[in-house]
Amino acid sequence: MPYLIETYDKPDHHDLRLSTRDVHLAYLDANAERLIACGAKLDDAGEIASGGIYLVDVDTRAAAERFIEADPFHQAELFERVVITRWRKAYVDGRNVL
C-alpha cells in the first residue's frame, strides 16, 4: 500500500542537509526495496533543496511514520514539517499500472 511522504526543511538549514546527506543516502540504499521513488524538492535553479518526496511501499501509515522517523534527516531535526498521505499508483514511468 503506497504512501507519499512529503518533507519540508526548516528555513536556513541547508548546511545541516549537506552534512547529513551521506548517511541519509546510505539509509535510502539500505531500504531501497521499500522505495517506489524519492528525491529532493529543489529551487528553480536546481541547486538548493528545501525538502523531499518519498513514495514508499509499506503496509500501514504507522510503517510510513516509522520509515521517515528512522531517516537520518528526520533524526537530525532537519524537517519543519512532514506530511504522510496514502497514495494510489496510477501511472509509473509513463505506464498505466491500475
N, C-alpha and C. Protein backbone atom coordinates (compact mmCIF):
# COMPACT_ATOMS: atom_id res chain seq x y z
N MET A 1 0.85 -1.15 0.00
CA MET A 1 0.00 0.00 0.00
C MET A 1 0.90 1.23 0.00
N PRO A 2 0.96 1.95 -1.07
CA PRO A 2 1.89 3.08 -1.17
C PRO A 2 1.45 4.29 -0.35
N TYR A 3 2.45 4.99 0.16
CA TYR A 3 2.26 6.26 0.84
C TYR A 3 3.20 7.29 0.26
N LEU A 4 2.70 8.52 0.20
CA LEU A 4 3.50 9.67 -0.18
C LEU A 4 3.92 10.36 1.11
N ILE A 5 5.21 10.57 1.26
CA ILE A 5 5.73 11.32 2.39
C ILE A 5 6.38 12.57 1.81
N GLU A 6 5.88 13.74 2.22
CA GLU A 6 6.46 14.99 1.77
C GLU A 6 7.07 15.70 2.97
N THR A 7 8.33 16.08 2.83
CA THR A 7 9.02 16.75 3.92
C THR A 7 9.35 18.19 3.54
N TYR A 8 9.37 19.03 4.55
CA TYR A 8 9.67 20.45 4.39
C TYR A 8 10.81 20.78 5.36
N ASP A 9 11.93 21.23 4.83
CA ASP A 9 13.07 21.57 5.67
C ASP A 9 12.78 22.84 6.47
N LYS A 10 13.41 22.93 7.62
CA LYS A 10 13.39 24.17 8.38
C LYS A 10 14.14 25.23 7.58
N PRO A 11 13.71 26.48 7.67
CA PRO A 11 14.43 27.55 6.95
C PRO A 11 15.89 27.63 7.41
N ASP A 12 16.75 27.97 6.48
CA ASP A 12 18.17 28.19 6.76
C ASP A 12 18.87 26.97 7.34
N HIS A 13 18.46 25.78 6.93
CA HIS A 13 19.09 24.54 7.40
C HIS A 13 19.80 23.78 6.27
N HIS A 14 20.18 24.48 5.22
CA HIS A 14 20.83 23.83 4.09
C HIS A 14 22.15 23.16 4.50
N ASP A 15 22.91 23.80 5.39
CA ASP A 15 24.17 23.20 5.84
C ASP A 15 23.94 21.88 6.58
N LEU A 16 22.88 21.81 7.38
CA LEU A 16 22.54 20.56 8.07
C LEU A 16 22.18 19.48 7.05
N ARG A 17 21.43 19.85 6.02
CA ARG A 17 21.08 18.89 4.97
C ARG A 17 22.35 18.34 4.33
N LEU A 18 23.26 19.21 3.99
CA LEU A 18 24.50 18.78 3.32
C LEU A 18 25.35 17.90 4.24
N SER A 19 25.45 18.26 5.50
CA SER A 19 26.30 17.49 6.42
C SER A 19 25.70 16.12 6.77
N THR A 20 24.40 15.95 6.56
CA THR A 20 23.72 14.70 6.89
C THR A 20 23.42 13.87 5.64
N ARG A 21 23.70 14.41 4.49
CA ARG A 21 23.29 13.80 3.22
C ARG A 21 23.84 12.38 3.02
N ASP A 22 25.11 12.15 3.29
CA ASP A 22 25.70 10.83 3.04
C ASP A 22 25.04 9.73 3.87
N VAL A 23 24.79 10.00 5.14
CA VAL A 23 24.15 8.99 5.98
C VAL A 23 22.68 8.81 5.58
N HIS A 24 22.04 9.88 5.14
CA HIS A 24 20.67 9.80 4.61
C HIS A 24 20.63 8.90 3.38
N LEU A 25 21.57 9.10 2.45
CA LEU A 25 21.60 8.27 1.24
C LEU A 25 21.90 6.81 1.57
N ALA A 26 22.73 6.56 2.56
CA ALA A 26 23.00 5.18 3.00
C ALA A 26 21.72 4.55 3.55
N TYR A 27 20.94 5.32 4.28
CA TYR A 27 19.65 4.83 4.80
C TYR A 27 18.72 4.47 3.64
N LEU A 28 18.65 5.32 2.64
CA LEU A 28 17.80 5.02 1.48
C LEU A 28 18.29 3.77 0.76
N ASP A 29 19.60 3.64 0.58
CA ASP A 29 20.15 2.44 -0.05
C ASP A 29 19.78 1.18 0.73
N ALA A 30 19.85 1.25 2.04
CA ALA A 30 19.53 0.10 2.89
C ALA A 30 18.04 -0.25 2.86
N ASN A 31 17.20 0.69 2.44
CA ASN A 31 15.76 0.48 2.39
C ASN A 31 15.19 0.58 0.98
N ALA A 32 16.03 0.36 -0.01
CA ALA A 32 15.63 0.53 -1.41
C ALA A 32 14.43 -0.33 -1.80
N GLU A 33 14.26 -1.48 -1.16
CA GLU A 33 13.13 -2.35 -1.51
C GLU A 33 11.78 -1.72 -1.16
N ARG A 34 11.77 -0.74 -0.27
CA ARG A 34 10.53 -0.05 0.11
C ARG A 34 10.26 1.17 -0.75
N LEU A 35 11.24 1.63 -1.50
CA LEU A 35 11.12 2.88 -2.25
C LEU A 35 10.55 2.65 -3.64
N ILE A 36 9.46 3.33 -3.94
CA ILE A 36 8.94 3.40 -5.30
C ILE A 36 9.70 4.50 -6.03
N ALA A 37 9.88 5.60 -5.34
CA ALA A 37 10.65 6.74 -5.85
C ALA A 37 10.91 7.68 -4.69
N CYS A 38 11.93 8.49 -4.82
CA CYS A 38 12.16 9.55 -3.84
C CYS A 38 13.16 10.54 -4.41
N GLY A 39 13.16 11.72 -3.84
CA GLY A 39 14.11 12.73 -4.26
C GLY A 39 13.83 14.06 -3.59
N ALA A 40 14.79 14.96 -3.73
CA ALA A 40 14.70 16.28 -3.11
C ALA A 40 13.82 17.21 -3.94
N LYS A 41 13.19 18.14 -3.24
CA LYS A 41 12.47 19.24 -3.89
C LYS A 41 13.50 20.38 -4.01
N LEU A 42 13.67 20.89 -5.22
CA LEU A 42 14.72 21.87 -5.49
C LEU A 42 14.15 23.23 -5.86
N ASP A 43 14.97 24.26 -5.69
CA ASP A 43 14.60 25.58 -6.18
C ASP A 43 14.63 25.57 -7.70
N ASP A 44 14.14 26.63 -8.33
CA ASP A 44 14.05 26.67 -9.79
C ASP A 44 15.39 26.55 -10.48
N ALA A 45 16.45 26.93 -9.81
CA ALA A 45 17.80 26.79 -10.40
C ALA A 45 18.33 25.37 -10.26
N GLY A 46 17.63 24.53 -9.50
CA GLY A 46 18.05 23.15 -9.31
C GLY A 46 19.25 23.00 -8.39
N GLU A 47 19.45 23.98 -7.53
CA GLU A 47 20.67 23.98 -6.71
C GLU A 47 20.41 23.77 -5.22
N ILE A 48 19.33 24.30 -4.69
CA ILE A 48 19.08 24.25 -3.25
C ILE A 48 17.84 23.41 -2.96
N ALA A 49 18.01 22.39 -2.11
CA ALA A 49 16.90 21.54 -1.70
C ALA A 49 16.20 22.17 -0.50
N SER A 50 14.89 21.97 -0.44
CA SER A 50 14.12 22.51 0.68
C SER A 50 13.19 21.47 1.30
N GLY A 51 13.41 20.22 0.96
CA GLY A 51 12.58 19.13 1.45
C GLY A 51 12.65 17.98 0.47
N GLY A 52 11.74 17.04 0.62
CA GLY A 52 11.78 15.89 -0.26
C GLY A 52 10.43 15.23 -0.43
N ILE A 53 10.39 14.33 -1.39
CA ILE A 53 9.22 13.50 -1.68
C ILE A 53 9.69 12.04 -1.63
N TYR A 54 8.97 11.24 -0.88
CA TYR A 54 9.23 9.81 -0.81
C TYR A 54 7.94 9.11 -1.20
N LEU A 55 8.00 8.18 -2.11
CA LEU A 55 6.89 7.26 -2.38
C LEU A 55 7.34 5.91 -1.86
N VAL A 56 6.71 5.45 -0.80
CA VAL A 56 7.14 4.22 -0.14
C VAL A 56 6.05 3.16 -0.20
N ASP A 57 6.47 1.93 -0.33
CA ASP A 57 5.55 0.81 -0.35
C ASP A 57 5.64 0.10 1.00
N VAL A 58 4.74 0.48 1.90
CA VAL A 58 4.67 -0.11 3.23
C VAL A 58 3.22 -0.48 3.51
N ASP A 59 3.00 -1.28 4.54
CA ASP A 59 1.66 -1.82 4.80
C ASP A 59 0.71 -0.85 5.49
N THR A 60 1.23 0.06 6.29
CA THR A 60 0.36 0.92 7.10
C THR A 60 0.94 2.32 7.22
N ARG A 61 0.09 3.25 7.64
CA ARG A 61 0.55 4.61 7.93
C ARG A 61 1.61 4.57 9.03
N ALA A 62 1.41 3.72 10.03
CA ALA A 62 2.39 3.62 11.11
C ALA A 62 3.76 3.20 10.56
N ALA A 63 3.77 2.31 9.58
CA ALA A 63 5.04 1.90 8.97
C ALA A 63 5.66 3.05 8.20
N ALA A 64 4.85 3.87 7.54
CA ALA A 64 5.36 5.05 6.84
C ALA A 64 5.95 6.04 7.85
N GLU A 65 5.28 6.21 8.99
CA GLU A 65 5.79 7.09 10.04
C GLU A 65 7.13 6.57 10.57
N ARG A 66 7.21 5.27 10.81
CA ARG A 66 8.48 4.69 11.29
C ARG A 66 9.58 4.86 10.26
N PHE A 67 9.23 4.71 8.98
CA PHE A 67 10.22 4.86 7.91
C PHE A 67 10.84 6.25 7.94
N ILE A 68 10.01 7.28 7.98
CA ILE A 68 10.55 8.65 7.93
C ILE A 68 11.22 9.01 9.24
N GLU A 69 10.72 8.52 10.36
CA GLU A 69 11.34 8.82 11.65
C GLU A 69 12.74 8.21 11.78
N ALA A 70 12.99 7.12 11.05
CA ALA A 70 14.31 6.49 11.07
C ALA A 70 15.29 7.14 10.10
N ASP A 71 14.80 8.00 9.23
CA ASP A 71 15.67 8.68 8.26
C ASP A 71 16.60 9.63 9.02
N PRO A 72 17.89 9.58 8.71
CA PRO A 72 18.84 10.48 9.38
C PRO A 72 18.49 11.96 9.26
N PHE A 73 17.86 12.37 8.17
CA PHE A 73 17.42 13.76 8.08
C PHE A 73 16.42 14.09 9.20
N HIS A 74 15.48 13.18 9.43
CA HIS A 74 14.49 13.38 10.49
C HIS A 74 15.18 13.38 11.85
N GLN A 75 16.06 12.43 12.06
CA GLN A 75 16.75 12.32 13.35
C GLN A 75 17.64 13.53 13.63
N ALA A 76 18.14 14.17 12.58
CA ALA A 76 18.96 15.37 12.74
C ALA A 76 18.09 16.62 12.93
N GLU A 77 16.77 16.43 12.92
CA GLU A 77 15.80 17.52 13.09
C GLU A 77 15.88 18.55 11.96
N LEU A 78 16.09 18.05 10.74
CA LEU A 78 16.11 18.91 9.56
C LEU A 78 14.71 19.39 9.20
N PHE A 79 13.71 18.57 9.43
CA PHE A 79 12.37 18.86 8.92
C PHE A 79 11.58 19.77 9.84
N GLU A 80 10.95 20.75 9.21
CA GLU A 80 9.99 21.61 9.89
C GLU A 80 8.63 20.92 9.95
N ARG A 81 8.33 20.18 8.87
CA ARG A 81 7.01 19.55 8.75
C ARG A 81 7.14 18.30 7.89
N VAL A 82 6.34 17.29 8.22
CA VAL A 82 6.26 16.05 7.44
C VAL A 82 4.77 15.75 7.23
N VAL A 83 4.41 15.47 5.98
CA VAL A 83 3.02 15.13 5.65
C VAL A 83 3.02 13.74 5.02
N ILE A 84 2.18 12.87 5.56
CA ILE A 84 2.07 11.49 5.06
C ILE A 84 0.65 11.30 4.54
N THR A 85 0.55 10.84 3.27
CA THR A 85 -0.73 10.65 2.61
C THR A 85 -0.74 9.31 1.89
N ARG A 86 -1.81 8.56 2.04
CA ARG A 86 -1.94 7.32 1.27
C ARG A 86 -2.03 7.69 -0.20
N TRP A 87 -1.41 6.88 -1.04
CA TRP A 87 -1.28 7.21 -2.46
C TRP A 87 -1.68 6.00 -3.30
N ARG A 88 -2.37 6.26 -4.41
CA ARG A 88 -2.75 5.19 -5.33
C ARG A 88 -1.91 5.32 -6.59
N LYS A 89 -1.19 4.26 -6.92
CA LYS A 89 -0.42 4.26 -8.16
C LYS A 89 -1.39 4.20 -9.33
N ALA A 90 -1.21 5.10 -10.27
CA ALA A 90 -2.00 5.08 -11.50
C ALA A 90 -1.06 4.99 -12.71
N TYR A 91 -0.09 5.89 -12.75
CA TYR A 91 0.91 5.87 -13.82
C TYR A 91 2.29 5.88 -13.19
N VAL A 92 3.14 4.98 -13.64
CA VAL A 92 4.52 4.93 -13.21
C VAL A 92 5.37 4.76 -14.47
N ASP A 93 6.36 5.63 -14.61
CA ASP A 93 7.23 5.60 -15.79
C ASP A 93 6.42 5.66 -17.09
N GLY A 94 5.36 6.46 -17.09
CA GLY A 94 4.56 6.66 -18.29
C GLY A 94 3.62 5.51 -18.64
N ARG A 95 3.49 4.55 -17.70
CA ARG A 95 2.62 3.40 -17.95
C ARG A 95 1.49 3.37 -16.93
N ASN A 96 0.30 3.05 -17.39
CA ASN A 96 -0.85 2.87 -16.53
C ASN A 96 -0.66 1.56 -15.77
N VAL A 97 -0.68 1.64 -14.43
CA VAL A 97 -0.48 0.44 -13.62
C VAL A 97 -1.73 0.05 -12.82
N LEU A 98 -2.87 0.66 -13.16
CA LEU A 98 -4.11 0.32 -12.47
C LEU A 98 -4.59 -1.07 -12.81
